[in-house]
Every structure is written in structure tokens, then in C-alpha cells.
Amino acid sequence: MRALAHPARIAMLEHLVIEGPATATDCAEFAGLSPSACSYHLRALARFGFVEEDPASAVDGRHRPWRARFIALEFGDNPGQSVAARAAGRLLLGNVRARVEEVRTGYYDRQDEYPPAWRAAAGERLDVLHVTPEELADIRSRLADLISGYRRLDKAERPPGSRRVQALFEFTPWFPPDGPAPDGPAPDGSS
């Protein structure tokens, strides 16, 4: 989580996931940092296993391209984590949410300029579910499986007319942790 605590690292990782291998100089163009600062941040991301050098993408011996080692981020709570780890997780989640909100705001600021088909397909959905923890975990897993087939990071796999879309699913308990269920006993079995 410390590796992604810096917003520039999130931006660089996002770029590597979406656009593929890039050098520190390439990253500097969109991260707003110098190539040497990007090199430092890429090495930090590598120490934590988020990126790795990609010599196969090098144009020549002087280029040092990096590539992402994963595609998606998933956040949840691990009850066994220390208070410090949970605080770091909340900081990371805050940084990621800020980036998500930038994309969302950018879309809504210019929504009327998008083609009608994209405007009709885009949007948000708020729903209420009544599930057990096991069912909620199953829903998360099934949604992850469903959307993973649409990543198509290899440009050759993308159908004509496809464009990049941000997908965020959030499942938040909407009940007090110690309160009774509307139609059943409290989580500890008491009524």
C-alpha cells in the first residue's frame, strides 16, 4: 500500500496497465514529474511487485521500459491487519478514488459532447441487496470474472468502435455493525 500512496505512482501504474510498456521518460510526460523522479517511483513500484522491467520492449540498450505486473485493484478489509496497515489502505483507497472521480467529473463536464450511444450506455446504478457475507463475496467474484473478459489490453483483441471505460463496483454495508437485521437476529446471534 505504501508503494501506491503517491498519486504519481498511481498515474504511472495506470498508464502502464492501459498503454503497455513505457520508460521513465515516457511516464514523465503524463505524471508531471521529471524522468529521474519517475525512475525513482518506478523502482519503488518494482520493489513492491507492481511493475517490472521489460527488456523485450526496449528499442535499444539505452531504453529501460517498464510494464505492469497486474491489471485490476480490489479493495477490502482484512480484519487481521494492523491499525497502521488499515490506515495505509484507506490512504491508498482515497488516492485511487480521487483518480476515479477525476475521470467521472471529466466525463460529466463534457457529457453532452459524447455520441448518444455512449451516453445511453454509460451511467451509474445504485441498488439495495439483502445478502449474506458469502453471497456478497460471490457477487464480487462473479462481477470480476465477467468484466475481466472485456479488458482487452491487447489492441488486436478490441472490436472496432471500442473505447476505454472506467468500471467501479462498490459494495458497502448499509447497517450499523452492532444493530439487528431488519428481519433477523444481530450478527452475534442475539435478538
Protein backbone atom coordinates (compact mmCIF):
# COMPACT_ATOMS: atom_id res chain seq x y z
CA MET A 1 0.00 0.00 0.00
CA ARG A 2 2.93 2.32 0.64
CA ALA A 3 4.00 1.79 -2.96
CA LEU A 4 0.77 3.37 -4.22
CA ALA A 5 0.44 6.10 -1.61
CA HIS A 6 1.85 8.68 -4.05
CA PRO A 7 -0.64 9.91 -6.72
CA ALA A 8 2.08 9.97 -9.41
CA ARG A 9 2.71 6.26 -8.85
CA ILE A 10 -0.97 5.52 -9.36
CA ALA A 11 -0.90 7.56 -12.58
CA MET A 12 2.21 5.74 -13.83
CA LEU A 13 0.80 2.34 -12.98
CA GLU A 14 -2.48 3.24 -14.67
CA HIS A 15 -0.57 4.27 -17.80
CA LEU A 16 1.45 1.04 -17.87
CA VAL A 17 -1.70 -1.06 -17.49
CA ILE A 18 -3.62 0.78 -20.21
CA GLU A 19 -0.93 1.70 -22.71
CA GLY A 20 1.64 -1.02 -22.11
CA PRO A 21 5.39 -0.76 -21.50
CA ALA A 22 6.88 2.71 -21.09
CA THR A 23 10.15 4.28 -19.99
CA ALA A 24 10.60 6.77 -17.16
CA THR A 25 10.83 9.49 -19.81
CA ASP A 26 7.50 8.38 -21.29
CA CYS A 27 5.94 8.40 -17.82
CA ALA A 28 7.23 11.91 -17.13
CA GLU A 29 5.01 13.28 -19.91
CA PHE A 30 1.77 12.37 -18.14
CA ALA A 31 2.85 12.15 -14.48
CA GLY A 32 4.03 15.75 -14.37
CA LEU A 33 7.43 14.76 -12.95
CA SER A 34 10.98 14.67 -14.24
CA PRO A 35 12.25 11.44 -15.82
CA SER A 36 14.59 10.92 -12.84
CA ALA A 37 11.68 11.27 -10.39
CA CYS A 38 9.63 8.83 -12.47
CA SER A 39 12.56 6.42 -12.49
CA TYR A 40 12.65 6.59 -8.69
CA HIS A 41 8.90 5.95 -8.44
CA LEU A 42 9.05 3.08 -10.95
CA ARG A 43 11.81 1.41 -8.91
CA ALA A 44 9.65 1.83 -5.79
CA LEU A 45 6.71 0.21 -7.60
CA ALA A 46 9.03 -2.61 -8.67
CA ARG A 47 10.20 -3.23 -5.09
CA PHE A 48 6.60 -3.92 -4.12
CA GLY A 49 5.94 -6.11 -7.20
CA PHE A 50 3.60 -3.79 -9.11
CA VAL A 51 5.88 -3.29 -12.13
CA GLU A 52 8.94 -4.90 -13.65
CA GLU A 53 11.47 -4.02 -16.30
CA ASP A 54 10.51 -5.20 -19.79
CA PRO A 55 13.74 -5.57 -21.79
CA ALA A 56 11.85 -7.22 -24.66
CA SER A 57 10.16 -3.85 -25.35
CA ALA A 58 13.43 -1.90 -25.43
CA VAL A 59 14.18 -0.10 -28.67
CA ASP A 60 17.89 -0.30 -27.91
CA GLY A 61 20.22 -0.93 -24.97
CA ARG A 62 19.71 2.56 -23.54
CA HIS A 63 15.94 2.31 -23.10
CA ARG A 64 14.58 0.77 -19.92
CA PRO A 65 10.88 0.14 -20.42
CA TRP A 66 8.71 -0.97 -17.52
CA ARG A 67 5.47 -2.95 -17.59
CA ALA A 68 2.67 -3.55 -15.11
CA ARG A 69 2.54 -6.93 -13.39
CA PHE A 70 -1.21 -6.83 -12.68
CA ILE A 71 -4.35 -5.40 -14.20
CA ALA A 72 -7.02 -4.65 -11.58
CA LEU A 73 -7.13 -3.40 -7.99
CA GLU A 74 -9.53 -4.83 -5.46
CA PHE A 75 -10.04 -3.31 -2.03
CA GLY A 76 -11.50 -4.93 1.01
CA ASP A 77 -10.80 -5.20 4.71
CA ASN A 78 -8.59 -7.82 6.25
CA PRO A 79 -9.68 -7.99 9.90
CA GLY A 80 -6.25 -9.32 10.90
CA GLN A 81 -4.41 -6.22 9.63
CA SER A 82 -2.74 -3.81 11.99
CA VAL A 83 -4.20 -0.36 12.57
CA ALA A 84 -1.31 1.13 10.57
CA ALA A 85 -1.94 -1.19 7.61
CA ARG A 86 -5.65 -0.33 7.62
CA ALA A 87 -4.81 3.38 7.73
CA ALA A 88 -2.41 2.96 4.79
CA GLY A 89 -5.15 1.08 2.91
CA ARG A 90 -7.59 3.93 3.48
CA LEU A 91 -5.00 6.42 2.20
CA LEU A 92 -4.42 4.34 -0.91
CA LEU A 93 -8.14 3.94 -1.48
CA GLY A 94 -8.55 7.70 -1.11
CA ASN A 95 -5.90 8.31 -3.79
CA VAL A 96 -7.49 5.79 -6.14
CA ARG A 97 -10.97 7.27 -5.54
CA ALA A 98 -9.62 10.74 -6.31
CA ARG A 99 -8.37 9.46 -9.67
CA VAL A 100 -11.70 7.72 -10.33
CA GLU A 101 -13.51 10.95 -9.53
CA GLU A 102 -11.28 12.89 -11.96
CA VAL A 103 -12.35 10.57 -14.77
CA ARG A 104 -16.01 10.73 -13.74
CA THR A 105 -16.00 14.53 -13.47
CA GLY A 106 -14.24 14.83 -16.83
CA TYR A 107 -16.98 12.78 -18.44
CA TYR A 108 -19.87 14.65 -16.81
CA ASP A 109 -18.30 18.04 -17.60
CA ARG A 110 -18.43 17.17 -21.31
CA GLN A 111 -21.25 14.62 -21.34
CA ASP A 112 -23.29 16.46 -23.98
CA GLU A 113 -20.37 16.18 -26.42
CA TYR A 114 -20.35 12.36 -26.37
CA PRO A 115 -22.23 10.38 -29.03
CA PRO A 116 -25.77 9.38 -27.98
CA ALA A 117 -24.93 5.65 -27.97
CA TRP A 118 -22.14 6.18 -25.42
CA ARG A 119 -24.31 8.45 -23.30
CA ALA A 120 -27.09 5.85 -23.26
CA ALA A 121 -24.69 3.03 -22.33
CA ALA A 122 -22.77 4.95 -19.62
CA GLY A 123 -24.11 5.67 -16.19
CA GLU A 124 -24.25 4.56 -12.61
CA ARG A 125 -26.51 2.18 -10.77
CA LEU A 126 -27.44 2.28 -7.12
CA ASP A 127 -29.20 -0.76 -5.75
CA VAL A 128 -30.02 -2.35 -2.41
CA LEU A 129 -29.16 -6.00 -1.81
CA HIS A 130 -30.08 -8.22 1.12
CA VAL A 131 -27.34 -10.84 1.17
CA THR A 132 -25.16 -12.92 3.45
CA PRO A 133 -21.41 -12.23 3.56
CA GLU A 134 -20.87 -15.36 1.46
CA GLU A 135 -23.34 -14.21 -1.17
CA LEU A 136 -21.72 -10.78 -1.32
CA ALA A 137 -18.28 -12.37 -1.82
CA ASP A 138 -19.79 -14.50 -4.61
CA ILE A 139 -21.27 -11.41 -6.30
CA ARG A 140 -17.88 -9.64 -6.19
CA SER A 141 -16.14 -12.68 -7.66
CA ARG A 142 -18.70 -13.17 -10.43
CA LEU A 143 -18.59 -9.50 -11.45
CA ALA A 144 -14.78 -9.59 -11.55
CA ASP A 145 -14.92 -12.66 -13.78
CA LEU A 146 -17.50 -11.05 -16.06
CA ILE A 147 -15.69 -7.77 -16.65
CA SER A 148 -12.22 -9.32 -16.97
CA GLY A 149 -13.24 -10.64 -20.39
CA TYR A 150 -13.70 -7.08 -21.61
CA ARG A 151 -10.28 -5.65 -20.61
CA ARG A 152 -8.73 -6.36 -24.00
CA LEU A 153 -5.42 -4.71 -23.22
CA ASP A 154 -4.01 -6.10 -26.46
CA LYS A 155 -5.23 -3.66 -29.12
CA ALA A 156 -5.62 -6.50 -31.63
CA GLU A 157 -8.36 -8.02 -29.41
CA ARG A 158 -10.51 -4.89 -29.38
CA PRO A 159 -13.52 -4.78 -31.71
CA PRO A 160 -13.93 -1.74 -33.98
CA GLY A 161 -15.51 1.17 -32.13
CA SER A 162 -14.38 0.04 -28.68
CA ARG A 163 -13.17 2.72 -26.29
CA ARG A 164 -11.70 2.72 -22.79
CA VAL A 165 -14.31 2.81 -19.98
CA GLN A 166 -13.76 3.04 -16.24
CA ALA A 167 -15.62 0.43 -14.18
CA LEU A 168 -16.05 0.72 -10.42
CA PHE A 169 -18.22 -1.53 -8.28
CA GLU A 170 -18.71 -0.69 -4.64
CA PHE A 171 -20.39 -2.86 -2.05
CA THR A 172 -20.86 -1.06 1.25
CA PRO A 173 -22.65 -2.48 4.29
CA TRP A 174 -25.68 -0.27 4.94
CA PHE A 175 -26.35 -1.27 8.52
CA PRO A 176 -24.78 -0.49 11.89
CA PRO A 177 -22.19 -3.12 12.85
CA ASP A 178 -23.93 -3.92 16.14
CA GLY A 179 -27.58 -3.48 15.14
CA PRO A 180 -30.19 -6.18 14.50
CA ALA A 181 -31.03 -7.16 10.95
CA PRO A 182 -34.44 -5.85 9.85
CA ASP A 183 -35.78 -9.38 9.67
CA GLY A 184 -33.47 -11.39 11.88
CA PRO A 185 -31.05 -11.55 14.80
CA ALA A 186 -28.00 -9.37 15.26
CA PRO A 187 -24.73 -10.59 13.71
CA ASP A 188 -23.68 -12.24 17.01
CA GLY A 189 -26.89 -14.32 17.06
CA SER A 190 -28.70 -12.27 19.70
CA SER A 191 -32.11 -10.76 19.00
